[in-house]
Amino acid sequence: MVETERRGEVSISLLVLLLGLSFSSKPFPSSPSRLFTAQELALHNGANDSLPILLAILGSVFDVTKGKSHYGLGGGYNHFSGRDASRAFVSGNFSGDGLTDSLRGLSRTEVKSVVEWRDFYFRSYTFVGKLVGLYYDSHGNPTKQLKGSEEAKLPSCNSRWSQDEGGKVWCDNGYPRLIQRPLEIALTGKMSKRCACFKEDQLGQQGLEVYQGCDYHAKVCQV
């Protein structure tokens, strides 16, 4: 019970911080200014006043020094500083294994929420580089983990196109639905969707789009 209340208090505090800072808007950067190793990033945890306070989310590194009262030593969000703790933004687990960059086992909605948190940092703080590791390679290029973690969670539709019949998508097991690709949107800044197959008991989830002109329970749709 205490842990549940603590998570609720942190979530409310984070929401208040988000609302307070979301009015500033910055363009999404096209390239990093620096590549960080995990060891380098760890030095920027607020313990050394001569260094800026940095945090990473989905491998993108941000300078959060202007929020020192929150991210510095003793601050309520200091557990995010000097590391990539992407998972903790939605799990509420701020200790031990919870402070990790791995999103393994999270739902599609939770993954999308992590991406939305990263968008918040792009708007509200200064993007300073990329963290070499799970999401970016040693050249700063996105890894398959970053580009494909959303796609790996749901089976893709089968698809075919012919000049005579046009295009169609279908599911061997389940029903075709259009879904957004939040990680791809975050990377490119452009709307991106794909076709995925859902079981009948999943069709009530938010964010699922029925193909135009296709029956709700159709397993094959013309596109």
C-alpha atoms as a PDB file:
ATOM      1  CA  MET A   1       0.000   0.000   0.000  1.00  0.00           C
ATOM      2  CA  VAL A   2       2.786   2.407   0.898  1.00  0.00           C
ATOM      3  CA  GLU A   3       4.601   1.602  -2.345  1.00  0.00           C
ATOM      4  CA  THR A   4       1.402   2.189  -4.363  1.00  0.00           C
ATOM      5  CA  GLU A   5       0.882   5.572  -2.708  1.00  0.00           C
ATOM      6  CA  ARG A   6       4.529   6.491  -3.345  1.00  0.00           C
ATOM      7  CA  ARG A   7       4.207   5.670  -7.028  1.00  0.00           C
ATOM      8  CA  GLY A   8       1.024   7.723  -7.208  1.00  0.00           C
ATOM      9  CA  GLU A   9       2.711  10.709  -5.583  1.00  0.00           C
ATOM     10  CA  VAL A  10       5.673  10.491  -7.988  1.00  0.00           C
ATOM     11  CA  SER A  11       3.340  10.203 -10.995  1.00  0.00           C
ATOM     12  CA  ILE A  12       1.426  13.297  -9.892  1.00  0.00           C
ATOM     13  CA  SER A  13       4.665  15.198  -9.299  1.00  0.00           C
ATOM     14  CA  LEU A  14       5.991  14.254 -12.723  1.00  0.00           C
ATOM     15  CA  LEU A  15       2.721  15.362 -14.317  1.00  0.00           C
ATOM     16  CA  VAL A  16       2.913  18.726 -12.553  1.00  0.00           C
ATOM     17  CA  LEU A  17       6.491  19.176 -13.749  1.00  0.00           C
ATOM     18  CA  LEU A  18       5.488  18.250 -17.297  1.00  0.00           C
ATOM     19  CA  LEU A  19       2.626  20.748 -17.340  1.00  0.00           C
ATOM     20  CA  GLY A  20       4.861  23.451 -15.957  1.00  0.00           C
ATOM     21  CA  LEU A  21       7.508  23.030 -18.627  1.00  0.00           C
ATOM     22  CA  SER A  22       5.553  21.906 -21.683  1.00  0.00           C
ATOM     23  CA  PHE A  23       4.949  25.457 -22.912  1.00  0.00           C
ATOM     24  CA  SER A  24       8.477  25.761 -24.260  1.00  0.00           C
ATOM     25  CA  SER A  25       8.876  24.161 -27.662  1.00  0.00           C
ATOM     26  CA  LYS A  26      12.090  23.125 -29.349  1.00  0.00           C
ATOM     27  CA  PRO A  27      12.523  21.453 -32.752  1.00  0.00           C
ATOM     28  CA  PHE A  28      13.576  17.839 -32.855  1.00  0.00           C
ATOM     29  CA  PRO A  29      17.324  17.673 -33.548  1.00  0.00           C
ATOM     30  CA  SER A  30      18.546  15.987 -36.712  1.00  0.00           C
ATOM     31  CA  SER A  31      21.892  14.859 -35.292  1.00  0.00           C
ATOM     32  CA  PRO A  32      23.594  14.470 -31.916  1.00  0.00           C
ATOM     33  CA  SER A  33      26.322  16.799 -30.721  1.00  0.00           C
ATOM     34  CA  ARG A  34      28.048  14.042 -28.751  1.00  0.00           C
ATOM     35  CA  LEU A  35      28.089  10.297 -28.123  1.00  0.00           C
ATOM     36  CA  PHE A  36      28.220   9.177 -24.491  1.00  0.00           C
ATOM     37  CA  THR A  37      29.221   5.883 -22.926  1.00  0.00           C
ATOM     38  CA  ALA A  38      27.347   4.692 -19.860  1.00  0.00           C
ATOM     39  CA  GLN A  39      30.433   5.437 -17.756  1.00  0.00           C
ATOM     40  CA  GLU A  40      30.636   9.020 -19.049  1.00  0.00           C
ATOM     41  CA  LEU A  41      26.955   9.616 -18.487  1.00  0.00           C
ATOM     42  CA  ALA A  42      27.200   8.314 -14.906  1.00  0.00           C
ATOM     43  CA  LEU A  43      29.524  11.222 -14.043  1.00  0.00           C
ATOM     44  CA  HIS A  44      26.664  13.655 -14.689  1.00  0.00           C
ATOM     45  CA  ASN A  45      24.406  12.514 -11.855  1.00  0.00           C
ATOM     46  CA  GLY A  46      24.420  15.807  -9.974  1.00  0.00           C
ATOM     47  CA  ALA A  47      27.176  14.883  -7.525  1.00  0.00           C
ATOM     48  CA  ASN A  48      29.728  17.190  -9.163  1.00  0.00           C
ATOM     49  CA  ASP A  49      28.628  20.833  -9.269  1.00  0.00           C
ATOM     50  CA  SER A  50      31.125  21.567 -12.056  1.00  0.00           C
ATOM     51  CA  LEU A  51      29.361  19.188 -14.451  1.00  0.00           C
ATOM     52  CA  PRO A  52      25.922  19.555 -16.023  1.00  0.00           C
ATOM     53  CA  ILE A  53      23.217  17.133 -14.885  1.00  0.00           C
ATOM     54  CA  LEU A  54      22.278  14.748 -17.682  1.00  0.00           C
ATOM     55  CA  LEU A  55      19.790  11.952 -18.136  1.00  0.00           C
ATOM     56  CA  ALA A  56      18.932   9.652 -21.023  1.00  0.00           C
ATOM     57  CA  ILE A  57      15.659   8.193 -22.191  1.00  0.00           C
ATOM     58  CA  LEU A  58      15.537   5.742 -25.097  1.00  0.00           C
ATOM     59  CA  GLY A  59      19.200   6.570 -25.625  1.00  0.00           C
ATOM     60  CA  SER A  60      18.671  10.313 -26.140  1.00  0.00           C
ATOM     61  CA  VAL A  61      20.685  12.412 -23.673  1.00  0.00           C
ATOM     62  CA  PHE A  62      19.344  15.676 -22.229  1.00  0.00           C
ATOM     63  CA  ASP A  63      20.818  18.428 -20.083  1.00  0.00           C
ATOM     64  CA  VAL A  64      18.414  18.871 -17.164  1.00  0.00           C
ATOM     65  CA  THR A  65      20.604  21.201 -15.127  1.00  0.00           C
ATOM     66  CA  LYS A  66      17.945  23.917 -15.166  1.00  0.00           C
ATOM     67  CA  GLY A  67      15.810  21.504 -13.148  1.00  0.00           C
ATOM     68  CA  LYS A  68      18.572  20.983 -10.569  1.00  0.00           C
ATOM     69  CA  SER A  69      16.143  21.168  -7.664  1.00  0.00           C
ATOM     70  CA  HIS A  70      14.439  18.093  -9.092  1.00  0.00           C
ATOM     71  CA  TYR A  71      17.336  16.214 -10.715  1.00  0.00           C
ATOM     72  CA  GLY A  72      20.234  17.164  -8.435  1.00  0.00           C
ATOM     73  CA  LEU A  73      21.303  15.307  -5.298  1.00  0.00           C
ATOM     74  CA  GLY A  74      18.373  15.074  -2.925  1.00  0.00           C
ATOM     75  CA  GLY A  75      15.882  15.933  -5.668  1.00  0.00           C
ATOM     76  CA  GLY A  76      12.800  13.824  -6.225  1.00  0.00           C
ATOM     77  CA  TYR A  77      13.949  12.728  -9.688  1.00  0.00           C
ATOM     78  CA  ASN A  78      17.670  12.300  -9.016  1.00  0.00           C
ATOM     79  CA  HIS A  79      17.295   8.570  -9.670  1.00  0.00           C
ATOM     80  CA  PHE A  80      16.942   9.432 -13.387  1.00  0.00           C
ATOM     81  CA  SER A  81      20.175  11.443 -13.500  1.00  0.00           C
ATOM     82  CA  GLY A  82      23.387   9.999 -14.930  1.00  0.00           C
ATOM     83  CA  ARG A  83      21.695   7.018 -16.545  1.00  0.00           C
ATOM     84  CA  ASP A  84      19.055   5.762 -18.953  1.00  0.00           C
ATOM     85  CA  ALA A  85      16.164   4.587 -16.789  1.00  0.00           C
ATOM     86  CA  SER A  86      13.552   4.546 -19.560  1.00  0.00           C
ATOM     87  CA  ARG A  87      11.546   1.730 -17.987  1.00  0.00           C
ATOM     88  CA  ALA A  88      11.083   3.576 -14.690  1.00  0.00           C
ATOM     89  CA  PHE A  89       9.139   6.367 -16.401  1.00  0.00           C
ATOM     90  CA  VAL A  90       6.163   4.008 -16.664  1.00  0.00           C
ATOM     91  CA  SER A  91       6.906   1.269 -14.132  1.00  0.00           C
ATOM     92  CA  GLY A  92       7.316   3.513 -11.091  1.00  0.00           C
ATOM     93  CA  ASN A  93      10.113   1.233  -9.878  1.00  0.00           C
ATOM     94  CA  PHE A  94      12.950   3.594  -8.945  1.00  0.00           C
ATOM     95  CA  SER A  95      15.373   1.167  -7.334  1.00  0.00           C
ATOM     96  CA  GLY A  96      17.546  -1.773  -8.336  1.00  0.00           C
ATOM     97  CA  ASP A  97      16.506  -3.508 -11.538  1.00  0.00           C
ATOM     98  CA  GLY A  98      13.767  -0.931 -12.142  1.00  0.00           C
ATOM     99  CA  LEU A  99      16.290   1.730 -13.174  1.00  0.00           C
ATOM    100  CA  THR A 100      17.014   0.169 -16.551  1.00  0.00           C
ATOM    101  CA  ASP A 101      16.750   1.150 -20.211  1.00  0.00           C
ATOM    102  CA  SER A 102      15.111  -2.159 -21.160  1.00  0.00           C
ATOM    103  CA  LEU A 103      11.443  -2.059 -22.171  1.00  0.00           C
ATOM    104  CA  ARG A 104      11.151  -5.842 -22.375  1.00  0.00           C
ATOM    105  CA  GLY A 105       7.734  -7.040 -21.278  1.00  0.00           C
ATOM    106  CA  LEU A 106       6.037  -3.633 -21.401  1.00  0.00           C
ATOM    107  CA  SER A 107       2.730  -3.281 -23.209  1.00  0.00           C
ATOM    108  CA  ARG A 108       2.300  -1.312 -26.431  1.00  0.00           C
ATOM    109  CA  THR A 109       0.598   1.467 -24.457  1.00  0.00           C
ATOM    110  CA  GLU A 110       3.471   1.596 -21.955  1.00  0.00           C
ATOM    111  CA  VAL A 111       6.065   1.771 -24.739  1.00  0.00           C
ATOM    112  CA  LYS A 112       4.132   4.637 -26.291  1.00  0.00           C
ATOM    113  CA  SER A 113       4.113   6.406 -22.912  1.00  0.00           C
ATOM    114  CA  VAL A 114       7.913   6.164 -22.707  1.00  0.00           C
ATOM    115  CA  VAL A 115       8.156   7.750 -26.162  1.00  0.00           C
ATOM    116  CA  GLU A 116       5.835  10.534 -25.046  1.00  0.00           C
ATOM    117  CA  TRP A 117       8.133  11.185 -22.065  1.00  0.00           C
ATOM    118  CA  ARG A 118      11.063  11.448 -24.440  1.00  0.00           C
ATOM    119  CA  ASP A 119       9.093  13.939 -26.540  1.00  0.00           C
ATOM    120  CA  PHE A 120       8.550  15.985 -23.378  1.00  0.00           C
ATOM    121  CA  TYR A 121      12.311  16.186 -22.781  1.00  0.00           C
ATOM    122  CA  PHE A 122      12.906  17.210 -26.400  1.00  0.00           C
ATOM    123  CA  ARG A 123      10.452  20.084 -25.906  1.00  0.00           C
ATOM    124  CA  SER A 124      11.509  21.134 -22.439  1.00  0.00           C
ATOM    125  CA  TYR A 125      15.251  20.527 -22.081  1.00  0.00           C
ATOM    126  CA  THR A 126      18.388  20.656 -24.211  1.00  0.00           C
ATOM    127  CA  PHE A 127      19.226  17.574 -26.276  1.00  0.00           C
ATOM    128  CA  VAL A 128      23.000  17.062 -26.056  1.00  0.00           C
ATOM    129  CA  GLY A 129      23.726  13.677 -27.613  1.00  0.00           C
ATOM    130  CA  LYS A 130      23.118   9.962 -27.672  1.00  0.00           C
ATOM    131  CA  LEU A 131      24.015   7.125 -25.359  1.00  0.00           C
ATOM    132  CA  VAL A 132      25.925   4.289 -26.993  1.00  0.00           C
ATOM    133  CA  GLY A 133      24.329   1.009 -26.014  1.00  0.00           C
ATOM    134  CA  LEU A 134      20.886  -0.514 -26.374  1.00  0.00           C
ATOM    135  CA  TYR A 135      19.375   2.148 -28.642  1.00  0.00           C
ATOM    136  CA  TYR A 136      22.331   3.678 -30.510  1.00  0.00           C
ATOM    137  CA  ASP A 137      25.493   2.101 -31.867  1.00  0.00           C
ATOM    138  CA  SER A 138      29.022   3.487 -31.627  1.00  0.00           C
ATOM    139  CA  HIS A 139      28.367   5.685 -34.686  1.00  0.00           C
ATOM    140  CA  GLY A 140      25.168   7.153 -33.266  1.00  0.00           C
ATOM    141  CA  ASN A 141      22.886   5.180 -35.558  1.00  0.00           C
ATOM    142  CA  PRO A 142      19.583   3.796 -34.186  1.00  0.00           C
ATOM    143  CA  THR A 143      19.759   0.095 -33.378  1.00  0.00           C
ATOM    144  CA  LYS A 144      17.166  -2.506 -34.267  1.00  0.00           C
ATOM    145  CA  GLN A 145      16.087  -2.360 -30.637  1.00  0.00           C
ATOM    146  CA  LEU A 146      15.028   1.266 -31.016  1.00  0.00           C
ATOM    147  CA  LYS A 147      13.440   0.941 -34.439  1.00  0.00           C
ATOM    148  CA  GLY A 148      11.863  -2.453 -33.932  1.00  0.00           C
ATOM    149  CA  SER A 149      10.832  -2.799 -30.306  1.00  0.00           C
ATOM    150  CA  GLU A 150       7.247  -1.773 -31.064  1.00  0.00           C
ATOM    151  CA  GLU A 151       6.941  -3.972 -34.143  1.00  0.00           C
ATOM    152  CA  ALA A 152       8.239  -7.003 -32.231  1.00  0.00           C
ATOM    153  CA  LYS A 153       5.285  -6.921 -29.846  1.00  0.00           C
ATOM    154  CA  LEU A 154       2.524  -7.541 -32.384  1.00  0.00           C
ATOM    155  CA  PRO A 155       2.402  -9.830 -35.429  1.00  0.00           C
ATOM    156  CA  SER A 156       2.346  -7.968 -38.722  1.00  0.00           C
ATOM    157  CA  CYS A 157      -0.379  -8.479 -41.293  1.00  0.00           C
ATOM    158  CA  ASN A 158       0.194 -10.377 -44.498  1.00  0.00           C
ATOM    159  CA  SER A 159       0.020  -8.113 -47.540  1.00  0.00           C
ATOM    160  CA  ARG A 160      -0.164  -8.442 -51.318  1.00  0.00           C
ATOM    161  CA  TRP A 161      -0.532  -6.092 -54.264  1.00  0.00           C
ATOM    162  CA  SER A 162      -1.367  -6.755 -57.887  1.00  0.00           C
ATOM    163  CA  GLN A 163      -2.215  -4.458 -60.764  1.00  0.00           C
ATOM    164  CA  ASP A 164      -5.544  -6.224 -61.308  1.00  0.00           C
ATOM    165  CA  GLU A 165      -6.736  -6.493 -57.708  1.00  0.00           C
ATOM    166  CA  GLY A 166      -4.873  -3.675 -56.001  1.00  0.00           C
ATOM    167  CA  GLY A 167      -3.619  -4.159 -52.469  1.00  0.00           C
ATOM    168  CA  LYS A 168      -4.953  -6.221 -49.608  1.00  0.00           C
ATOM    169  CA  VAL A 169      -3.918  -7.104 -46.071  1.00  0.00           C
ATOM    170  CA  TRP A 170      -5.028 -10.104 -44.040  1.00  0.00           C
ATOM    171  CA  CYS A 171      -4.414 -12.008 -40.838  1.00  0.00           C
ATOM    172  CA  ASP A 172      -4.166 -15.769 -40.550  1.00  0.00           C
ATOM    173  CA  ASN A 173      -4.990 -15.451 -36.868  1.00  0.00           C
ATOM    174  CA  GLY A 174      -6.827 -12.327 -35.813  1.00  0.00           C
ATOM    175  CA  TYR A 175      -8.061  -9.135 -37.428  1.00  0.00           C
ATOM    176  CA  PRO A 176      -6.071  -6.438 -39.301  1.00  0.00           C
ATOM    177  CA  ARG A 177      -5.818  -3.026 -37.680  1.00  0.00           C
ATOM    178  CA  LEU A 178      -3.731   0.075 -38.370  1.00  0.00           C
ATOM    179  CA  ILE A 179      -1.597   1.200 -35.424  1.00  0.00           C
ATOM    180  CA  GLN A 180       0.816   4.081 -34.962  1.00  0.00           C
ATOM    181  CA  ARG A 181       4.562   3.486 -34.728  1.00  0.00           C
ATOM    182  CA  PRO A 182       5.438   5.756 -31.790  1.00  0.00           C
ATOM    183  CA  LEU A 183       9.168   5.054 -31.862  1.00  0.00           C
ATOM    184  CA  GLU A 184       9.374   5.709 -35.596  1.00  0.00           C
ATOM    185  CA  ILE A 185       7.368   8.910 -35.124  1.00  0.00           C
ATOM    186  CA  ALA A 186       9.784  10.003 -32.409  1.00  0.00           C
ATOM    187  CA  LEU A 187      12.773   9.299 -34.646  1.00  0.00           C
ATOM    188  CA  THR A 188      11.515  11.019 -37.792  1.00  0.00           C
ATOM    189  CA  GLY A 189       8.890  13.465 -36.516  1.00  0.00           C
ATOM    190  CA  LYS A 190       6.502  12.086 -39.170  1.00  0.00           C
ATOM    191  CA  MET A 191       3.293  10.117 -38.749  1.00  0.00           C
ATOM    192  CA  SER A 192       3.882   6.423 -39.334  1.00  0.00           C
ATOM    193  CA  LYS A 193       1.476   3.480 -39.177  1.00  0.00           C
ATOM    194  CA  ARG A 194       1.607  -0.240 -39.822  1.00  0.00           C
ATOM    195  CA  CYS A 195      -0.818  -3.143 -40.037  1.00  0.00           C
ATOM    196  CA  ALA A 196      -0.897  -5.558 -37.106  1.00  0.00           C
ATOM    197  CA  CYS A 197      -3.052  -8.550 -36.221  1.00  0.00           C
ATOM    198  CA  PHE A 198      -5.190  -8.524 -33.088  1.00  0.00           C
ATOM    199  CA  LYS A 199      -7.251 -11.220 -31.430  1.00  0.00           C
ATOM    200  CA  GLU A 200     -10.956 -10.568 -30.928  1.00  0.00           C
ATOM    201  CA  ASP A 201     -10.568  -9.848 -27.217  1.00  0.00           C
ATOM    202  CA  GLN A 202      -7.961  -7.149 -28.069  1.00  0.00           C
ATOM    203  CA  LEU A 203     -10.082  -5.161 -30.500  1.00  0.00           C
ATOM    204  CA  GLY A 204     -11.370  -2.822 -27.815  1.00  0.00           C
ATOM    205  CA  GLN A 205      -7.910  -1.341 -27.168  1.00  0.00           C
ATOM    206  CA  GLN A 206      -7.446   2.362 -27.807  1.00  0.00           C
ATOM    207  CA  GLY A 207      -5.553   3.475 -30.901  1.00  0.00           C
ATOM    208  CA  LEU A 208      -6.657   0.651 -33.219  1.00  0.00           C
ATOM    209  CA  GLU A 209      -7.905   1.852 -36.607  1.00  0.00           C
ATOM    210  CA  VAL A 210     -10.167  -0.219 -38.863  1.00  0.00           C
ATOM    211  CA  TYR A 211      -9.228   0.038 -42.548  1.00  0.00           C
ATOM    212  CA  GLN A 212     -11.591   2.305 -44.455  1.00  0.00           C
ATOM    213  CA  GLY A 213     -14.314   0.272 -46.132  1.00  0.00           C
ATOM    214  CA  CYS A 214     -13.418  -2.871 -44.180  1.00  0.00           C
ATOM    215  CA  ASP A 215     -15.867  -4.688 -41.896  1.00  0.00           C
ATOM    216  CA  TYR A 216     -15.062  -4.635 -38.173  1.00  0.00           C
ATOM    217  CA  HIS A 217     -14.655  -8.416 -38.036  1.00  0.00           C
ATOM    218  CA  ALA A 218     -13.143  -8.898 -41.507  1.00  0.00           C
ATOM    219  CA  LYS A 219      -9.894 -10.833 -41.665  1.00  0.00           C
ATOM    220  CA  VAL A 220      -9.081  -9.551 -45.174  1.00  0.00           C
ATOM    221  CA  CYS A 221      -9.167  -5.855 -46.128  1.00  0.00           C
ATOM    222  CA  GLN A 222      -8.669  -4.112 -49.456  1.00  0.00           C
ATOM    223  CA  VAL A 223      -6.271  -1.175 -49.240  1.00  0.00           C
END
